[in-house]
Amino acid sequence: MERKTILTTNVLAYSLNTNLLSMKTDVGKIPGEIMTKAADLGLEVAGPQIWQYTNCDGNPGTTFKLDICLPVKEAKGDAGKFRFDVLPEVNCFSEIHKGSWSKLGDTYHWMFGEISRGGIIPTGVSREVYQLCDFENEGNNVTEVQIAVH
């Protein structure tokens, strides 16, 4: 696990309130639609999708805010149902999760344990940066988990 600072990031974004039980259904086709919107607007994509979770406590029924973000070089054009935004700079602990997203909970559990043992207080914001997505073989997925801290 690495401690680092993530600089501000310009994004094309979509926000929703969801919970871990209904997230997959609630998200639906938004990740693909945001990519299509960026292409339609001729935006220069500046990195992989970032999903930012605010006040997600790991309990399946707890409602939290989810921001689905696509880093872009600049904001231009009509974003439609999406919006242009800037993710703020964040101090965080980062860990690379390799494999199925169904096992992400294990990575979070370990990270929160380590952070707690260090006496560090999380902010309630975490991010997942989807560095490699393989929908055919989830074992190939590479996701950077970032837990923001004070």
C-alpha atoms as a PDB file:
ATOM      1  CA  MET A   1       0.000   0.000   0.000  1.00  0.00           C
ATOM      2  CA  GLU A   2       1.323   3.390  -1.011  1.00  0.00           C
ATOM      3  CA  ARG A   3       0.491   6.831   0.363  1.00  0.00           C
ATOM      4  CA  LYS A   4       0.212   9.468  -2.335  1.00  0.00           C
ATOM      5  CA  THR A   5      -1.441  12.675  -3.479  1.00  0.00           C
ATOM      6  CA  ILE A   6      -3.711  12.592  -6.521  1.00  0.00           C
ATOM      7  CA  LEU A   7      -3.881  15.955  -8.294  1.00  0.00           C
ATOM      8  CA  THR A   8      -7.097  17.589  -9.507  1.00  0.00           C
ATOM      9  CA  THR A   9      -8.630  15.833 -12.504  1.00  0.00           C
ATOM     10  CA  ASN A  10     -10.975  17.275 -15.158  1.00  0.00           C
ATOM     11  CA  VAL A  11     -13.778  14.790 -15.778  1.00  0.00           C
ATOM     12  CA  LEU A  12     -16.972  14.118 -17.641  1.00  0.00           C
ATOM     13  CA  ALA A  13     -19.171  12.765 -14.860  1.00  0.00           C
ATOM     14  CA  TYR A  14     -22.481  11.252 -13.845  1.00  0.00           C
ATOM     15  CA  SER A  15     -23.695  11.016 -10.238  1.00  0.00           C
ATOM     16  CA  LEU A  16     -26.263   8.796  -8.594  1.00  0.00           C
ATOM     17  CA  ASN A  17     -27.279   7.573  -5.170  1.00  0.00           C
ATOM     18  CA  THR A  18     -27.124   3.809  -4.853  1.00  0.00           C
ATOM     19  CA  ASN A  19     -26.131   0.957  -2.527  1.00  0.00           C
ATOM     20  CA  LEU A  20     -23.970  -2.119  -2.965  1.00  0.00           C
ATOM     21  CA  LEU A  21     -27.033  -4.356  -3.449  1.00  0.00           C
ATOM     22  CA  SER A  22     -28.508  -2.409  -6.372  1.00  0.00           C
ATOM     23  CA  MET A  23     -25.426  -0.664  -7.750  1.00  0.00           C
ATOM     24  CA  LYS A  24     -24.981  -2.858 -10.837  1.00  0.00           C
ATOM     25  CA  THR A  25     -28.610  -2.350 -11.856  1.00  0.00           C
ATOM     26  CA  ASP A  26     -28.605   1.359 -10.951  1.00  0.00           C
ATOM     27  CA  VAL A  27     -25.437   2.013 -12.961  1.00  0.00           C
ATOM     28  CA  GLY A  28     -26.783   0.174 -15.998  1.00  0.00           C
ATOM     29  CA  LYS A  29     -25.151   1.334 -19.220  1.00  0.00           C
ATOM     30  CA  ILE A  30     -23.757   4.621 -17.883  1.00  0.00           C
ATOM     31  CA  PRO A  31     -20.053   3.576 -18.163  1.00  0.00           C
ATOM     32  CA  GLY A  32     -20.443   2.860 -21.880  1.00  0.00           C
ATOM     33  CA  GLU A  33     -22.647   5.897 -22.478  1.00  0.00           C
ATOM     34  CA  ILE A  34     -20.103   8.251 -20.914  1.00  0.00           C
ATOM     35  CA  MET A  35     -17.426   6.877 -23.279  1.00  0.00           C
ATOM     36  CA  THR A  36     -19.765   7.393 -26.251  1.00  0.00           C
ATOM     37  CA  LYS A  37     -20.569  10.960 -25.159  1.00  0.00           C
ATOM     38  CA  ALA A  38     -16.854  11.781 -24.893  1.00  0.00           C
ATOM     39  CA  ALA A  39     -16.268  10.411 -28.396  1.00  0.00           C
ATOM     40  CA  ASP A  40     -19.293  12.288 -29.793  1.00  0.00           C
ATOM     41  CA  LEU A  41     -17.956  15.553 -28.327  1.00  0.00           C
ATOM     42  CA  GLY A  42     -14.439  14.869 -29.638  1.00  0.00           C
ATOM     43  CA  LEU A  43     -13.001  14.994 -26.114  1.00  0.00           C
ATOM     44  CA  GLU A  44      -9.461  13.846 -25.481  1.00  0.00           C
ATOM     45  CA  VAL A  45      -9.679  11.109 -22.848  1.00  0.00           C
ATOM     46  CA  ALA A  46      -6.946  11.618 -20.253  1.00  0.00           C
ATOM     47  CA  GLY A  47      -7.103   8.314 -18.361  1.00  0.00           C
ATOM     48  CA  PRO A  48      -9.246   5.357 -17.317  1.00  0.00           C
ATOM     49  CA  GLN A  49     -12.659   5.689 -15.690  1.00  0.00           C
ATOM     50  CA  ILE A  50     -12.679   6.643 -12.022  1.00  0.00           C
ATOM     51  CA  TRP A  51     -15.573   5.715  -9.783  1.00  0.00           C
ATOM     52  CA  GLN A  52     -15.707   7.864  -6.662  1.00  0.00           C
ATOM     53  CA  TYR A  53     -17.663   6.573  -3.679  1.00  0.00           C
ATOM     54  CA  THR A  54     -18.759   9.015  -0.963  1.00  0.00           C
ATOM     55  CA  ASN A  55     -19.899   7.624   2.403  1.00  0.00           C
ATOM     56  CA  CYS A  56     -19.912   3.985   1.313  1.00  0.00           C
ATOM     57  CA  ASP A  57     -19.446   2.050   4.552  1.00  0.00           C
ATOM     58  CA  GLY A  58     -19.308  -1.446   3.052  1.00  0.00           C
ATOM     59  CA  ASN A  59     -22.770  -2.433   4.298  1.00  0.00           C
ATOM     60  CA  PRO A  60     -24.827  -3.691   1.342  1.00  0.00           C
ATOM     61  CA  GLY A  61     -27.973  -1.641   2.089  1.00  0.00           C
ATOM     62  CA  THR A  62     -26.372   1.703   2.967  1.00  0.00           C
ATOM     63  CA  THR A  63     -27.077   4.426   0.403  1.00  0.00           C
ATOM     64  CA  PHE A  64     -24.045   6.355  -0.834  1.00  0.00           C
ATOM     65  CA  LYS A  65     -23.147   8.757  -3.643  1.00  0.00           C
ATOM     66  CA  LEU A  66     -21.385   7.302  -6.677  1.00  0.00           C
ATOM     67  CA  ASP A  67     -19.675   9.533  -9.240  1.00  0.00           C
ATOM     68  CA  ILE A  68     -18.782   7.785 -12.489  1.00  0.00           C
ATOM     69  CA  CYS A  69     -16.010   9.890 -14.013  1.00  0.00           C
ATOM     70  CA  LEU A  70     -14.052   9.882 -17.242  1.00  0.00           C
ATOM     71  CA  PRO A  71     -10.884  12.019 -17.139  1.00  0.00           C
ATOM     72  CA  VAL A  72     -10.797  14.444 -20.070  1.00  0.00           C
ATOM     73  CA  LYS A  73      -8.257  17.032 -21.153  1.00  0.00           C
ATOM     74  CA  GLU A  74     -10.829  19.849 -21.318  1.00  0.00           C
ATOM     75  CA  ALA A  75     -14.528  20.561 -21.039  1.00  0.00           C
ATOM     76  CA  LYS A  76     -16.207  21.432 -24.331  1.00  0.00           C
ATOM     77  CA  GLY A  77     -19.624  20.987 -25.846  1.00  0.00           C
ATOM     78  CA  ASP A  78     -23.003  20.003 -24.429  1.00  0.00           C
ATOM     79  CA  ALA A  79     -22.537  17.211 -21.889  1.00  0.00           C
ATOM     80  CA  GLY A  80     -26.235  16.306 -21.993  1.00  0.00           C
ATOM     81  CA  LYS A  81     -27.189  14.115 -19.014  1.00  0.00           C
ATOM     82  CA  PHE A  82     -23.539  14.151 -17.940  1.00  0.00           C
ATOM     83  CA  ARG A  83     -21.625  17.135 -16.565  1.00  0.00           C
ATOM     84  CA  PHE A  84     -18.127  18.513 -16.642  1.00  0.00           C
ATOM     85  CA  ASP A  85     -16.506  18.634 -13.217  1.00  0.00           C
ATOM     86  CA  VAL A  86     -13.148  18.643 -11.461  1.00  0.00           C
ATOM     87  CA  LEU A  87     -12.255  15.925  -8.979  1.00  0.00           C
ATOM     88  CA  PRO A  88     -10.368  17.642  -6.160  1.00  0.00           C
ATOM     89  CA  GLU A  89      -6.826  16.860  -5.108  1.00  0.00           C
ATOM     90  CA  VAL A  90      -6.832  14.047  -2.578  1.00  0.00           C
ATOM     91  CA  ASN A  91      -4.344  12.520  -0.160  1.00  0.00           C
ATOM     92  CA  CYS A  92      -4.882   8.795  -0.118  1.00  0.00           C
ATOM     93  CA  PHE A  93      -3.596   5.314   0.375  1.00  0.00           C
ATOM     94  CA  SER A  94      -3.485   3.326  -2.848  1.00  0.00           C
ATOM     95  CA  GLU A  95      -3.380  -0.389  -3.565  1.00  0.00           C
ATOM     96  CA  ILE A  96      -3.532  -2.265  -6.879  1.00  0.00           C
ATOM     97  CA  HIS A  97      -6.249  -4.938  -6.919  1.00  0.00           C
ATOM     98  CA  LYS A  98      -5.702  -7.610  -9.546  1.00  0.00           C
ATOM     99  CA  GLY A  99      -8.576  -9.888 -10.446  1.00  0.00           C
ATOM    100  CA  SER A 100     -12.328 -10.065 -10.103  1.00  0.00           C
ATOM    101  CA  TRP A 101     -14.258  -7.074  -8.823  1.00  0.00           C
ATOM    102  CA  SER A 102     -16.229  -9.479  -6.629  1.00  0.00           C
ATOM    103  CA  LYS A 103     -13.069  -9.642  -4.479  1.00  0.00           C
ATOM    104  CA  LEU A 104     -12.630  -5.857  -4.163  1.00  0.00           C
ATOM    105  CA  GLY A 105     -14.191  -6.029  -0.699  1.00  0.00           C
ATOM    106  CA  ASP A 106     -11.189  -8.042   0.504  1.00  0.00           C
ATOM    107  CA  THR A 107      -8.816  -5.307  -0.675  1.00  0.00           C
ATOM    108  CA  TYR A 108     -10.890  -2.602   1.014  1.00  0.00           C
ATOM    109  CA  HIS A 109     -11.093  -4.604   4.253  1.00  0.00           C
ATOM    110  CA  TRP A 110      -7.315  -5.059   4.351  1.00  0.00           C
ATOM    111  CA  MET A 111      -6.639  -1.412   3.481  1.00  0.00           C
ATOM    112  CA  PHE A 112      -9.032  -0.005   6.089  1.00  0.00           C
ATOM    113  CA  GLY A 113      -7.455  -2.303   8.675  1.00  0.00           C
ATOM    114  CA  GLU A 114      -3.967  -1.037   7.867  1.00  0.00           C
ATOM    115  CA  ILE A 115      -5.114   2.596   7.850  1.00  0.00           C
ATOM    116  CA  SER A 116      -6.864   2.143  11.193  1.00  0.00           C
ATOM    117  CA  ARG A 117      -3.836   0.469  12.769  1.00  0.00           C
ATOM    118  CA  GLY A 118      -1.818   3.507  11.708  1.00  0.00           C
ATOM    119  CA  GLY A 119      -4.229   5.819  13.546  1.00  0.00           C
ATOM    120  CA  ILE A 120      -5.153   7.582  10.309  1.00  0.00           C
ATOM    121  CA  ILE A 121      -8.700   8.806   9.693  1.00  0.00           C
ATOM    122  CA  PRO A 122     -10.396   8.191   6.308  1.00  0.00           C
ATOM    123  CA  THR A 123     -12.423  11.062   4.806  1.00  0.00           C
ATOM    124  CA  GLY A 124     -15.357   8.907   3.655  1.00  0.00           C
ATOM    125  CA  VAL A 125     -14.269   9.111   0.005  1.00  0.00           C
ATOM    126  CA  SER A 126     -12.722   6.268  -1.952  1.00  0.00           C
ATOM    127  CA  ARG A 127     -11.994   5.854  -5.635  1.00  0.00           C
ATOM    128  CA  GLU A 128     -11.553   2.961  -7.998  1.00  0.00           C
ATOM    129  CA  VAL A 129      -9.440   3.596 -11.089  1.00  0.00           C
ATOM    130  CA  TYR A 130     -10.174   0.930 -13.690  1.00  0.00           C
ATOM    131  CA  GLN A 131      -6.734   0.524 -15.258  1.00  0.00           C
ATOM    132  CA  LEU A 132      -7.588  -2.680 -17.133  1.00  0.00           C
ATOM    133  CA  CYS A 133     -11.093  -4.077 -17.598  1.00  0.00           C
ATOM    134  CA  ASP A 134     -11.490  -7.557 -19.041  1.00  0.00           C
ATOM    135  CA  PHE A 135     -15.158  -8.519 -19.122  1.00  0.00           C
ATOM    136  CA  GLU A 136     -14.343 -11.913 -20.665  1.00  0.00           C
ATOM    137  CA  ASN A 137     -11.845 -12.935 -17.969  1.00  0.00           C
ATOM    138  CA  GLU A 138     -12.229 -10.954 -14.732  1.00  0.00           C
ATOM    139  CA  GLY A 139      -8.993 -12.443 -13.449  1.00  0.00           C
ATOM    140  CA  ASN A 140      -7.185 -10.001 -15.745  1.00  0.00           C
ATOM    141  CA  ASN A 141      -8.778  -6.863 -14.254  1.00  0.00           C
ATOM    142  CA  VAL A 142      -6.437  -4.282 -12.718  1.00  0.00           C
ATOM    143  CA  THR A 143      -8.090  -1.732 -10.425  1.00  0.00           C
ATOM    144  CA  GLU A 144      -6.353   0.889  -8.318  1.00  0.00           C
ATOM    145  CA  VAL A 145      -8.202   1.381  -5.028  1.00  0.00           C
ATOM    146  CA  GLN A 146      -7.651   4.793  -3.427  1.00  0.00           C
ATOM    147  CA  ILE A 147      -8.874   5.573   0.103  1.00  0.00           C
ATOM    148  CA  ALA A 148      -8.783   9.289   0.882  1.00  0.00           C
ATOM    149  CA  VAL A 149      -7.423  10.246   4.307  1.00  0.00           C
ATOM    150  CA  HIS A 150      -7.133  13.403   6.411  1.00  0.00           C
END
